[in-house]
Amino acid sequence: MKSHFEMMASYNEWANVRLFRSAETLDEVLYRKEVGAYFRSLHGTLNHLLVSDRIWMRRLSGTGEHPEKLNAILFHDLPSLRC
């Protein structure tokens, strides 16, 4: 079972690197444009991915903080969100 979680964590890291590289090519207007999705914009969606990662890490490890809302904005700019 541990190898499965390690494989999924590796995939998550790979996907996040590709996603953030693509996001960094957008100008600020497109990056924050509200597109009618649940998390409103790409910025909101990337924050949601971080929130969900933190929720899963808490479930798996029993430690760590995470917000109560899935649409929480943890960081207000892309560089801070990526770190």
Protein backbone atom coordinates (compact mmCIF):
# COMPACT_ATOMS: atom_id res chain seq x y z
CA MET A 1 0.00 0.00 0.00
CA LYS A 2 2.86 2.37 0.80
CA SER A 3 4.21 2.05 -2.75
CA HIS A 4 0.82 3.07 -4.12
CA PHE A 5 0.81 6.28 -2.07
CA GLU A 6 4.40 6.99 -3.08
CA MET A 7 3.49 6.54 -6.74
CA MET A 8 0.47 8.85 -6.39
CA ALA A 9 2.56 11.48 -4.57
CA SER A 10 5.13 11.34 -7.35
CA TYR A 11 2.42 11.78 -9.97
CA ASN A 12 0.93 14.69 -8.01
CA GLU A 13 4.30 16.42 -7.94
CA TRP A 14 4.83 15.84 -11.67
CA ALA A 15 1.37 17.18 -12.53
CA ASN A 16 1.74 20.22 -10.27
CA VAL A 17 5.09 21.17 -11.82
CA ARG A 18 3.56 21.06 -15.31
CA LEU A 19 0.44 22.94 -14.21
CA PHE A 20 2.36 25.73 -12.49
CA ARG A 21 4.74 26.12 -15.44
CA SER A 22 1.74 26.62 -17.71
CA ALA A 23 0.07 29.02 -15.27
CA GLU A 24 3.23 31.13 -15.16
CA THR A 25 2.96 31.78 -18.90
CA LEU A 26 -0.39 33.55 -18.50
CA ASP A 27 -0.70 37.25 -17.93
CA GLU A 28 -2.34 38.31 -14.66
CA VAL A 29 -5.71 39.12 -16.29
CA LEU A 30 -6.11 35.64 -17.76
CA TYR A 31 -4.77 33.99 -14.64
CA ARG A 32 -7.43 35.68 -12.48
CA LYS A 33 -10.26 35.76 -15.05
CA GLU A 34 -13.53 34.44 -13.64
CA VAL A 35 -14.63 31.64 -15.94
CA GLY A 36 -17.80 30.46 -14.23
CA ALA A 37 -16.20 27.43 -12.60
CA TYR A 38 -16.72 26.55 -8.94
CA PHE A 39 -13.38 28.01 -7.90
CA ARG A 40 -13.93 31.00 -10.23
CA SER A 41 -10.49 31.32 -11.81
CA LEU A 42 -7.24 29.46 -12.35
CA HIS A 43 -5.95 31.19 -9.22
CA GLY A 44 -8.89 29.86 -7.22
CA THR A 45 -8.44 26.38 -8.67
CA LEU A 46 -4.73 26.29 -7.80
CA ASN A 47 -5.55 27.37 -4.24
CA HIS A 48 -8.12 24.56 -4.10
CA LEU A 49 -5.49 22.03 -5.17
CA LEU A 50 -3.27 23.15 -2.31
CA VAL A 51 -6.17 22.98 0.15
CA SER A 52 -7.01 19.45 -0.99
CA ASP A 53 -3.33 18.39 -0.75
CA ARG A 54 -3.26 19.66 2.83
CA ILE A 55 -6.49 17.86 3.68
CA TRP A 56 -5.10 14.57 2.34
CA MET A 57 -1.79 15.03 4.12
CA ARG A 58 -3.68 15.58 7.38
CA ARG A 59 -5.75 12.44 6.75
CA LEU A 60 -2.68 10.35 5.96
CA SER A 61 -0.29 11.70 8.58
CA GLY A 62 -2.60 12.97 11.31
CA THR A 63 -0.74 16.30 11.41
CA GLY A 64 -0.86 19.59 9.61
CA GLU A 65 -3.27 22.45 9.22
CA HIS A 66 -5.88 22.98 6.56
CA PRO A 67 -8.78 25.37 6.10
CA GLU A 68 -12.37 24.24 6.54
CA LYS A 69 -13.54 25.53 3.16
CA LEU A 70 -12.54 23.93 -0.14
CA ASN A 71 -12.57 27.33 -1.86
CA ALA A 72 -10.25 29.01 0.65
CA ILE A 73 -7.60 31.31 -0.76
CA LEU A 74 -4.39 30.40 1.02
CA PHE A 75 -2.12 32.65 -1.05
CA HIS A 76 -2.96 35.73 -3.07
CA ASP A 77 -0.23 35.49 -5.71
CA LEU A 78 1.12 32.70 -7.88
CA PRO A 79 4.75 32.71 -6.65
CA SER A 80 3.65 32.30 -3.02
CA LEU A 81 1.16 29.63 -4.00
CA ARG A 82 3.82 27.62 -5.80
CA CYS A 83 6.23 27.52 -2.86
